[in-house]
PDB file of N, CA and C in Angstrom:
ATOM      1  N   UNK A   1     -10.608  55.951  74.770  1.00  0.00           N
ATOM      2  CA  UNK A   1     -10.755  55.448  73.542  1.00  0.00           C
ATOM      3  C   UNK A   1     -12.185  56.826  72.629  1.00  0.00           C
ATOM      4  N   UNK A   2     -11.222  57.379  72.293  1.00  0.00           N
ATOM      5  CA  UNK A   2     -12.781  58.269  71.440  1.00  0.00           C
ATOM      6  C   UNK A   2     -13.889  57.330  70.395  1.00  0.00           C
ATOM      7  N   UNK A   3     -14.838  57.851  70.632  1.00  0.00           N
ATOM      8  CA  UNK A   3     -16.210  56.749  69.532  1.00  0.00           C
ATOM      9  C   UNK A   3     -16.339  58.460  69.011  1.00  0.00           C
ATOM     10  N   UNK A   4     -16.927  57.799  68.408  1.00  0.00           N
ATOM     11  CA  UNK A   4     -17.986  58.308  67.129  1.00  0.00           C
ATOM     12  C   UNK A   4     -19.122  57.643  66.418  1.00  0.00           C
ATOM     13  N   UNK A   5     -20.765  57.794  66.539  1.00  0.00           N
ATOM     14  CA  UNK A   5     -21.662  57.031  65.913  1.00  0.00           C
ATOM     15  C   UNK A   5     -21.412  57.494  64.541  1.00  0.00           C
ATOM     16  N   UNK A   6     -21.973  56.251  63.477  1.00  0.00           N
ATOM     17  CA  UNK A   6     -22.378  57.305  62.458  1.00  0.00           C
ATOM     18  C   UNK A   6     -23.421  56.129  62.001  1.00  0.00           C
ATOM     19  N   UNK A   7     -24.375  57.140  61.285  1.00  0.00           N
ATOM     20  CA  UNK A   7     -25.585  56.786  61.040  1.00  0.00           C
ATOM     21  C   UNK A   7     -26.032  56.827  59.745  1.00  0.00           C
ATOM     22  N   UNK A   8     -25.653  54.942  59.407  1.00  0.00           N
ATOM     23  CA  UNK A   8     -25.926  54.677  57.809  1.00  0.00           C
ATOM     24  C   UNK A   8     -26.975  54.930  57.489  1.00  0.00           C
ATOM     25  N   UNK A   9     -26.663  54.848  55.674  1.00  0.00           N
ATOM     26  CA  UNK A   9     -27.735  54.864  55.016  1.00  0.00           C
ATOM     27  C   UNK A   9     -29.003  53.878  55.556  1.00  0.00           C
ATOM     28  N   UNK A  10     -28.752  52.759  55.275  1.00  0.00           N
ATOM     29  CA  UNK A  10     -29.729  51.725  55.558  1.00  0.00           C
ATOM     30  C   UNK A  10     -30.256  51.834  56.857  1.00  0.00           C
ATOM     31  N   UNK A  11     -29.694  53.201  57.642  1.00  0.00           N
ATOM     32  CA  UNK A  11     -30.879  53.561  59.046  1.00  0.00           C
ATOM     33  C   UNK A  11     -30.175  52.427  60.229  1.00  0.00           C
ATOM     34  N   UNK A  12     -28.823  51.680  59.722  1.00  0.00           N
ATOM     35  CA  UNK A  12     -27.960  50.954  60.755  1.00  0.00           C
ATOM     36  C   UNK A  12     -27.230  52.210  61.639  1.00  0.00           C
ATOM     37  N   UNK A  13     -26.689  52.077  63.094  1.00  0.00           N
ATOM     38  CA  UNK A  13     -25.660  53.116  63.559  1.00  0.00           C
ATOM     39  C   UNK A  13     -24.574  52.113  63.920  1.00  0.00           C
ATOM     40  N   UNK A  14     -23.375  52.681  63.950  1.00  0.00           N
ATOM     41  CA  UNK A  14     -22.228  51.519  63.883  1.00  0.00           C
ATOM     42  C   UNK A  14     -21.481  52.834  64.600  1.00  0.00           C
ATOM     43  N   UNK A  15     -21.190  52.236  66.105  1.00  0.00           N
ATOM     44  CA  UNK A  15     -20.038  53.006  66.914  1.00  0.00           C
ATOM     45  C   UNK A  15     -18.927  52.827  66.220  1.00  0.00           C
ATOM     46  N   UNK A  16     -18.123  53.739  66.435  1.00  0.00           N
ATOM     47  CA  UNK A  16     -16.482  53.418  65.566  1.00  0.00           C
ATOM     48  C   UNK A  16     -15.631  54.250  66.223  1.00  0.00           C
ATOM     49  N   UNK A  17     -14.135  53.517  66.369  1.00  0.00           N
ATOM     50  CA  UNK A  17     -13.303  54.369  67.409  1.00  0.00           C
ATOM     51  C   UNK A  17     -12.735  54.987  66.534  1.00  0.00           C
ATOM     52  N   UNK A  18     -12.180  56.746  66.900  1.00  0.00           N
ATOM     53  CA  UNK A  18     -11.006  57.393  66.216  1.00  0.00           C
ATOM     54  C   UNK A  18      -9.788  56.960  66.000  1.00  0.00           C
ATOM     55  N   UNK A  19      -9.759  56.509  65.371  1.00  0.00           N
ATOM     56  CA  UNK A  19      -8.049  56.423  64.673  1.00  0.00           C
ATOM     57  C   UNK A  19      -7.364  57.643  64.947  1.00  0.00           C
ATOM     58  N   UNK A  20      -7.866  58.737  64.230  1.00  0.00           N
ATOM     59  CA  UNK A  20      -7.109  59.785  64.314  1.00  0.00           C
ATOM     60  C   UNK A  20      -7.761  60.793  62.818  1.00  0.00           C
ATOM     61  N   UNK A  21      -7.173  61.898  63.495  1.00  0.00           N
ATOM     62  CA  UNK A  21      -7.834  62.713  62.617  1.00  0.00           C
ATOM     63  C   UNK A  21      -6.532  63.930  61.938  1.00  0.00           C
ATOM     64  N   UNK A  22      -6.007  63.282  60.253  1.00  0.00           N
ATOM     65  CA  UNK A  22      -5.254  64.208  60.104  1.00  0.00           C
ATOM     66  C   UNK A  22      -5.130  65.103  58.734  1.00  0.00           C
ATOM     67  N   UNK A  23      -4.202  65.592  58.716  1.00  0.00           N
ATOM     68  CA  UNK A  23      -4.492  66.862  57.057  1.00  0.00           C
ATOM     69  C   UNK A  23      -3.874  66.455  56.306  1.00  0.00           C
ATOM     70  N   UNK A  24      -4.468  66.787  55.075  1.00  0.00           N
ATOM     71  CA  UNK A  24      -4.400  66.588  53.603  1.00  0.00           C
ATOM     72  C   UNK A  24      -4.562  67.688  52.779  1.00  0.00           C
ATOM     73  N   UNK A  25      -3.540  68.622  51.932  1.00  0.00           N
ATOM     74  CA  UNK A  25      -3.724  69.494  50.953  1.00  0.00           C
ATOM     75  C   UNK A  25      -4.762  70.378  51.758  1.00  0.00           C
ATOM     76  N   UNK A  26      -4.698  70.779  53.529  1.00  0.00           N
ATOM     77  CA  UNK A  26      -4.987  71.904  53.653  1.00  0.00           C
ATOM     78  C   UNK A  26      -6.139  71.390  54.388  1.00  0.00           C
ATOM     79  N   UNK A  27      -6.767  70.588  54.282  1.00  0.00           N
ATOM     80  CA  UNK A  27      -8.006  70.268  55.068  1.00  0.00           C
ATOM     81  C   UNK A  27      -7.817  68.728  56.029  1.00  0.00           C
ATOM     82  N   UNK A  28      -9.115  68.631  56.773  1.00  0.00           N
ATOM     83  CA  UNK A  28      -8.909  67.756  58.173  1.00  0.00           C
ATOM     84  C   UNK A  28      -9.631  66.216  57.421  1.00  0.00           C
ATOM     85  N   UNK A  29      -9.037  65.133  58.135  1.00  0.00           N
ATOM     86  CA  UNK A  29      -9.935  64.051  57.650  1.00  0.00           C
ATOM     87  C   UNK A  29     -10.045  63.399  58.872  1.00  0.00           C
ATOM     88  N   UNK A  30     -10.809  62.151  59.199  1.00  0.00           N
ATOM     89  CA  UNK A  30     -10.928  61.452  60.220  1.00  0.00           C
ATOM     90  C   UNK A  30     -11.056  59.717  59.724  1.00  0.00           C
ATOM     91  N   UNK A  31     -10.497  58.998  60.371  1.00  0.00           N
ATOM     92  CA  UNK A  31     -10.257  57.933  59.870  1.00  0.00           C
ATOM     93  C   UNK A  31     -11.127  56.941  61.513  1.00  0.00           C
ATOM     94  N   UNK A  32     -11.995  55.978  60.852  1.00  0.00           N
ATOM     95  CA  UNK A  32     -12.896  56.014  61.649  1.00  0.00           C
ATOM     96  C   UNK A  32     -12.852  53.781  61.271  1.00  0.00           C
ATOM     97  N   UNK A  33     -12.795  53.332  63.128  1.00  0.00           N
ATOM     98  CA  UNK A  33     -12.420  51.565  62.948  1.00  0.00           C
ATOM     99  C   UNK A  33     -14.061  51.708  63.472  1.00  0.00           C
ATOM    100  N   UNK A  34     -15.051  50.461  62.930  1.00  0.00           N
ATOM    101  CA  UNK A  34     -15.663  50.043  64.319  1.00  0.00           C
ATOM    102  C   UNK A  34     -15.305  49.700  65.370  1.00  0.00           C
ATOM    103  N   UNK A  35     -16.067  49.685  66.346  1.00  0.00           N
ATOM    104  CA  UNK A  35     -15.862  48.794  67.646  1.00  0.00           C
ATOM    105  C   UNK A  35     -16.394  47.714  67.636  1.00  0.00           C
ATOM    106  N   UNK A  36     -17.401  47.353  67.280  1.00  0.00           N
ATOM    107  CA  UNK A  36     -18.064  46.248  67.366  1.00  0.00           C
ATOM    108  C   UNK A  36     -16.981  44.951  66.809  1.00  0.00           C
ATOM    109  N   UNK A  37     -16.879  43.945  67.674  1.00  0.00           N
ATOM    110  CA  UNK A  37     -15.801  42.881  67.149  1.00  0.00           C
ATOM    111  C   UNK A  37     -16.177  42.444  65.434  1.00  0.00           C
ATOM    112  N   UNK A  38     -17.551  41.594  65.019  1.00  0.00           N
ATOM    113  CA  UNK A  38     -17.239  41.309  63.921  1.00  0.00           C
ATOM    114  C   UNK A  38     -17.258  42.253  62.640  1.00  0.00           C
ATOM    115  N   UNK A  39     -17.652  43.894  62.672  1.00  0.00           N
ATOM    116  CA  UNK A  39     -17.262  45.005  61.942  1.00  0.00           C
ATOM    117  C   UNK A  39     -15.538  45.060  62.033  1.00  0.00           C
ATOM    118  N   UNK A  40     -15.336  44.993  62.773  1.00  0.00           N
ATOM    119  CA  UNK A  40     -13.652  45.229  63.696  1.00  0.00           C
ATOM    120  C   UNK A  40     -12.698  44.375  62.945  1.00  0.00           C
ATOM    121  N   UNK A  41     -13.058  42.820  62.806  1.00  0.00           N
ATOM    122  CA  UNK A  41     -12.450  42.137  62.141  1.00  0.00           C
ATOM    123  C   UNK A  41     -12.171  42.090  60.741  1.00  0.00           C
ATOM    124  N   UNK A  42     -13.687  42.310  59.723  1.00  0.00           N
ATOM    125  CA  UNK A  42     -13.322  42.927  58.542  1.00  0.00           C
ATOM    126  C   UNK A  42     -12.566  43.623  58.325  1.00  0.00           C
ATOM    127  N   UNK A  43     -11.998  44.755  59.302  1.00  0.00           N
ATOM    128  CA  UNK A  43     -11.078  45.469  58.542  1.00  0.00           C
ATOM    129  C   UNK A  43     -11.069  46.888  58.179  1.00  0.00           C
ATOM    130  N   UNK A  44     -12.473  47.179  57.724  1.00  0.00           N
ATOM    131  CA  UNK A  44     -13.041  48.046  56.937  1.00  0.00           C
ATOM    132  C   UNK A  44     -13.040  49.603  58.218  1.00  0.00           C
ATOM    133  N   UNK A  45     -12.345  50.602  57.411  1.00  0.00           N
ATOM    134  CA  UNK A  45     -11.681  51.613  58.176  1.00  0.00           C
ATOM    135  C   UNK A  45     -12.622  52.483  56.930  1.00  0.00           C
ATOM    136  N   UNK A  46     -13.957  53.674  57.999  1.00  0.00           N
ATOM    137  CA  UNK A  46     -14.151  54.972  57.315  1.00  0.00           C
ATOM    138  C   UNK A  46     -13.575  56.484  57.512  1.00  0.00           C
ATOM    139  N   UNK A  47     -13.369  57.127  56.339  1.00  0.00           N
ATOM    140  CA  UNK A  47     -12.785  58.261  56.142  1.00  0.00           C
ATOM    141  C   UNK A  47     -13.564  59.433  55.749  1.00  0.00           C
ATOM    142  N   UNK A  48     -13.669  60.404  56.568  1.00  0.00           N
ATOM    143  CA  UNK A  48     -14.496  61.252  56.338  1.00  0.00           C
ATOM    144  C   UNK A  48     -14.122  62.817  56.264  1.00  0.00           C
ATOM    145  N   UNK A  49     -14.563  63.612  55.774  1.00  0.00           N
ATOM    146  CA  UNK A  49     -13.888  65.268  55.835  1.00  0.00           C
ATOM    147  C   UNK A  49     -14.245  65.355  57.211  1.00  0.00           C
ATOM    148  N   UNK A  50     -13.261  66.354  58.091  1.00  0.00           N
ATOM    149  CA  UNK A  50     -13.962  66.378  59.077  1.00  0.00           C
ATOM    150  C   UNK A  50     -13.474  68.072  58.978  1.00  0.00           C
ATOM    151  N   UNK A  51     -14.663  68.497  60.449  1.00  0.00           N
ATOM    152  CA  UNK A  51     -14.289  69.993  60.791  1.00  0.00           C
ATOM    153  C   UNK A  51     -15.547  69.726  62.076  1.00  0.00           C
ATOM    154  N   UNK A  52     -15.240  71.655  62.476  1.00  0.00           N
ATOM    155  CA  UNK A  52     -16.046  71.686  63.638  1.00  0.00           C
ATOM    156  C   UNK A  52     -17.096  72.364  63.599  1.00  0.00           C
ATOM    157  N   UNK A  53     -18.056  73.137  64.252  1.00  0.00           N
ATOM    158  CA  UNK A  53     -18.614  74.046  63.655  1.00  0.00           C
ATOM    159  C   UNK A  53     -18.586  75.214  64.658  1.00  0.00           C
ATOM    160  N   UNK A  54     -19.662  75.989  64.582  1.00  0.00           N
ATOM    161  CA  UNK A  54     -19.281  77.071  65.449  1.00  0.00           C
ATOM    162  C   UNK A  54     -19.475  76.634  66.870  1.00  0.00           C
ATOM    163  N   UNK A  55     -20.012  75.607  67.537  1.00  0.00           N
ATOM    164  CA  UNK A  55     -20.159  75.627  68.739  1.00  0.00           C
ATOM    165  C   UNK A  55     -18.886  74.379  69.015  1.00  0.00           C
ATOM    166  N   UNK A  56     -18.315  74.419  68.306  1.00  0.00           N
ATOM    167  CA  UNK A  56     -17.140  73.094  68.278  1.00  0.00           C
ATOM    168  C   UNK A  56     -17.561  71.521  68.444  1.00  0.00           C
ATOM    169  N   UNK A  57     -18.637  71.499  67.780  1.00  0.00           N
ATOM    170  CA  UNK A  57     -19.246  70.134  67.576  1.00  0.00           C
ATOM    171  C   UNK A  57     -18.274  69.689  66.244  1.00  0.00           C
ATOM    172  N   UNK A  58     -18.114  67.992  66.522  1.00  0.00           N
ATOM    173  CA  UNK A  58     -17.528  67.515  65.131  1.00  0.00           C
ATOM    174  C   UNK A  58     -18.792  67.322  63.613  1.00  0.00           C
ATOM    175  N   UNK A  59     -18.054  67.577  62.705  1.00  0.00           N
ATOM    176  CA  UNK A  59     -18.859  67.314  61.466  1.00  0.00           C
ATOM    177  C   UNK A  59     -18.401  66.733  60.556  1.00  0.00           C
ATOM    178  N   UNK A  60     -18.670  65.363  60.215  1.00  0.00           N
ATOM    179  CA  UNK A  60     -18.126  64.843  59.300  1.00  0.00           C
ATOM    180  C   UNK A  60     -19.088  64.803  57.960  1.00  0.00           C
ATOM    181  N   UNK A  61     -18.497  64.911  57.076  1.00  0.00           N
ATOM    182  CA  UNK A  61     -18.441  65.260  55.040  1.00  0.00           C
ATOM    183  C   UNK A  61     -18.109  63.825  54.425  1.00  0.00           C
ATOM    184  N   UNK A  62     -19.015  63.161  54.062  1.00  0.00           N
ATOM    185  CA  UNK A  62     -18.353  62.293  52.845  1.00  0.00           C
ATOM    186  C   UNK A  62     -17.448  62.989  51.771  1.00  0.00           C
ATOM    187  N   UNK A  63     -16.759  62.068  51.331  1.00  0.00           N
ATOM    188  CA  UNK A  63     -15.835  62.525  50.071  1.00  0.00           C
ATOM    189  C   UNK A  63     -16.647  62.417  48.981  1.00  0.00           C
ATOM    190  N   UNK A  64     -17.050  62.625  48.246  1.00  0.00           N
ATOM    191  CA  UNK A  64     -17.634  62.546  46.949  1.00  0.00           C
ATOM    192  C   UNK A  64     -16.321  62.539  45.230  1.00  0.00           C
ATOM    193  N   UNK A  65     -15.510  63.075  45.808  1.00  0.00           N
ATOM    194  CA  UNK A  65     -14.446  63.473  44.295  1.00  0.00           C
ATOM    195  C   UNK A  65     -13.436  61.978  44.358  1.00  0.00           C
ATOM    196  N   UNK A  66     -13.445  61.414  43.294  1.00  0.00           N
ATOM    197  CA  UNK A  66     -12.569  60.257  42.789  1.00  0.00           C
ATOM    198  C   UNK A  66     -10.842  60.477  43.176  1.00  0.00           C
ATOM    199  N   UNK A  67     -10.495  62.108  43.061  1.00  0.00           N
ATOM    200  CA  UNK A  67      -9.386  62.137  43.174  1.00  0.00           C
ATOM    201  C   UNK A  67      -9.006  62.827  44.327  1.00  0.00           C
ATOM    202  N   UNK A  68      -9.998  63.770  44.911  1.00  0.00           N
ATOM    203  CA  UNK A  68      -9.625  63.868  46.407  1.00  0.00           C
ATOM    204  C   UNK A  68      -9.607  62.424  47.101  1.00  0.00           C
ATOM    205  N   UNK A  69     -10.610  61.224  46.891  1.00  0.00           N
ATOM    206  CA  UNK A  69     -10.522  60.773  47.826  1.00  0.00           C
ATOM    207  C   UNK A  69      -9.108  59.316  47.618  1.00  0.00           C
ATOM    208  N   UNK A  70      -8.480  59.502  46.488  1.00  0.00           N
ATOM    209  CA  UNK A  70      -7.355  58.972  46.128  1.00  0.00           C
ATOM    210  C   UNK A  70      -6.132  59.857  47.092  1.00  0.00           C
ATOM    211  N   UNK A  71      -6.071  60.885  47.046  1.00  0.00           N
ATOM    212  CA  UNK A  71      -5.010  61.924  48.157  1.00  0.00           C
ATOM    213  C   UNK A  71      -5.020  61.646  49.399  1.00  0.00           C
ATOM    214  N   UNK A  72      -6.559  61.836  49.531  1.00  0.00           N
ATOM    215  CA  UNK A  72      -6.712  60.669  51.439  1.00  0.00           C
ATOM    216  C   UNK A  72      -6.472  59.654  51.708  1.00  0.00           C
ATOM    217  N   UNK A  73      -6.668  59.267  50.741  1.00  0.00           N
ATOM    218  CA  UNK A  73      -6.415  57.239  51.024  1.00  0.00           C
ATOM    219  C   UNK A  73      -4.643  57.277  50.825  1.00  0.00           C
ATOM    220  N   UNK A  74      -4.073  58.039  49.995  1.00  0.00           N
ATOM    221  CA  UNK A  74      -2.656  57.979  50.041  1.00  0.00           C
ATOM    222  C   UNK A  74      -1.846  58.412  51.658  1.00  0.00           C
ATOM    223  N   UNK A  75      -2.387  59.799  52.011  1.00  0.00           N
ATOM    224  CA  UNK A  75      -2.250  60.445  53.219  1.00  0.00           C
ATOM    225  C   UNK A  75      -2.276  59.852  54.650  1.00  0.00           C
ATOM    226  N   UNK A  76      -3.520  58.328  54.488  1.00  0.00           N
ATOM    227  CA  UNK A  76      -3.925  57.814  55.637  1.00  0.00           C
ATOM    228  C   UNK A  76      -2.801  56.350  55.465  1.00  0.00           C
ATOM    229  N   UNK A  77      -2.765  55.845  54.546  1.00  0.00           N
ATOM    230  CA  UNK A  77      -1.323  55.167  54.030  1.00  0.00           C
ATOM    231  C   UNK A  77       0.087  55.229  54.644  1.00  0.00           C
ATOM    232  N   UNK A  78       0.235  56.869  54.722  1.00  0.00           N
ATOM    233  CA  UNK A  78       1.592  56.976  54.891  1.00  0.00           C
ATOM    234  C   UNK A  78       1.300  57.370  56.410  1.00  0.00           C
ATOM    235  N   UNK A  79       0.325  57.794  57.385  1.00  0.00           N
ATOM    236  CA  UNK A  79      -0.408  57.660  58.736  1.00  0.00           C
ATOM    237  C   UNK A  79       0.192  56.283  58.824  1.00  0.00           C
ATOM    238  N   UNK A  80      -0.541  55.488  58.792  1.00  0.00           N
ATOM    239  CA  UNK A  80      -0.153  54.208  59.039  1.00  0.00           C
ATOM    240  C   UNK A  80       1.083  53.698  59.122  1.00  0.00           C
ATOM    241  N   UNK A  81       2.257  53.903  58.140  1.00  0.00           N
ATOM    242  CA  UNK A  81       3.030  53.620  58.056  1.00  0.00           C
ATOM    243  C   UNK A  81       3.884  54.375  59.229  1.00  0.00           C
ATOM    244  N   UNK A  82       3.970  55.432  59.652  1.00  0.00           N
ATOM    245  CA  UNK A  82       4.082  56.293  60.260  1.00  0.00           C
ATOM    246  C   UNK A  82       4.182  55.914  61.945  1.00  0.00           C
ATOM    247  N   UNK A  83       2.654  54.843  62.196  1.00  0.00           N
ATOM    248  CA  UNK A  83       2.437  54.424  63.161  1.00  0.00           C
ATOM    249  C   UNK A  83       2.213  53.103  63.488  1.00  0.00           C
ATOM    250  N   UNK A  84       2.632  52.765  65.167  1.00  0.00           N
ATOM    251  CA  UNK A  84       1.844  51.410  65.160  1.00  0.00           C
ATOM    252  C   UNK A  84       0.833  50.753  65.053  1.00  0.00           C
ATOM    253  N   UNK A  85       0.268  50.212  64.003  1.00  0.00           N
ATOM    254  CA  UNK A  85      -1.407  49.934  63.965  1.00  0.00           C
ATOM    255  C   UNK A  85      -1.890  48.739  64.012  1.00  0.00           C
ATOM    256  N   UNK A  86      -0.630  47.484  64.069  1.00  0.00           N
ATOM    257  CA  UNK A  86      -0.395  46.311  64.553  1.00  0.00           C
ATOM    258  C   UNK A  86      -1.971  45.784  65.442  1.00  0.00           C
ATOM    259  N   UNK A  87      -1.209  46.738  66.499  1.00  0.00           N
ATOM    260  CA  UNK A  87      -2.510  46.206  67.837  1.00  0.00           C
ATOM    261  C   UNK A  87      -3.625  46.123  67.418  1.00  0.00           C
ATOM    262  N   UNK A  88      -4.420  47.047  66.180  1.00  0.00           N
ATOM    263  CA  UNK A  88      -5.741  47.288  66.024  1.00  0.00           C
ATOM    264  C   UNK A  88      -6.205  46.338  65.124  1.00  0.00           C
ATOM    265  N   UNK A  89      -5.551  46.525  64.091  1.00  0.00           N
ATOM    266  CA  UNK A  89      -6.077  45.760  62.852  1.00  0.00           C
ATOM    267  C   UNK A  89      -4.342  45.893  61.915  1.00  0.00           C
ATOM    268  N   UNK A  90      -4.314  44.544  61.138  1.00  0.00           N
ATOM    269  CA  UNK A  90      -3.348  44.517  60.602  1.00  0.00           C
ATOM    270  C   UNK A  90      -3.832  45.329  58.823  1.00  0.00           C
ATOM    271  N   UNK A  91      -2.395  45.936  58.654  1.00  0.00           N
ATOM    272  CA  UNK A  91      -2.226  46.923  57.391  1.00  0.00           C
ATOM    273  C   UNK A  91      -3.319  46.067  56.230  1.00  0.00           C
ATOM    274  N   UNK A  92      -2.796  44.669  56.181  1.00  0.00           N
ATOM    275  CA  UNK A  92      -3.325  44.183  54.817  1.00  0.00           C
ATOM    276  C   UNK A  92      -5.073  43.991  54.977  1.00  0.00           C
ATOM    277  N   UNK A  93      -5.411  44.137  56.263  1.00  0.00           N
ATOM    278  CA  UNK A  93      -6.894  43.880  56.275  1.00  0.00           C
ATOM    279  C   UNK A  93      -7.640  44.948  56.337  1.00  0.00           C
ATOM    280  N   UNK A  94      -7.280  45.746  56.011  1.00  0.00           N
ATOM    281  CA  UNK A  94      -8.086  46.903  56.043  1.00  0.00           C
ATOM    282  C   UNK A  94      -8.574  47.626  54.460  1.00  0.00           C
ATOM    283  N   UNK A  95      -9.915  47.454  54.533  1.00  0.00           N
ATOM    284  CA  UNK A  95     -10.945  47.860  53.324  1.00  0.00           C
ATOM    285  C   UNK A  95     -10.795  49.252  53.666  1.00  0.00           C
ATOM    286  N   UNK A  96     -10.576  50.291  53.039  1.00  0.00           N
ATOM    287  CA  UNK A  96     -10.877  51.988  53.153  1.00  0.00           C
ATOM    288  C   UNK A  96     -12.300  51.640  52.549  1.00  0.00           C
ATOM    289  N   UNK A  97     -13.323  53.254  53.459  1.00  0.00           N
ATOM    290  CA  UNK A  97     -14.578  53.502  52.512  1.00  0.00           C
ATOM    291  C   UNK A  97     -14.966  55.084  52.930  1.00  0.00           C
ATOM    292  N   UNK A  98     -15.586  55.808  52.608  1.00  0.00           N
ATOM    293  CA  UNK A  98     -16.159  56.924  52.877  1.00  0.00           C
ATOM    294  C   UNK A  98     -17.114  56.907  52.761  1.00  0.00           C
TER     295      UNK A  98
END
């Protein structure tokens, strides 16, 4: 299980499981699910723009544009439809954030 540590604006650290890295309109995005059981049960999924820097290190960028976010949300929904996601969390419990 690949994980990523998010550093939130409030100073907290949040360990997340990488659900997938997917492409939408030529840009890569990453979907993350919190590892902690309390956060995980909320069904909150974090989606960011994804790229790797010159040294191959992952770089996550916030999605600021509403139209881009809607496009990415639809692409992630399609990914959910094509994959068995029930073992992690039910689709009805998901709350998409960037």
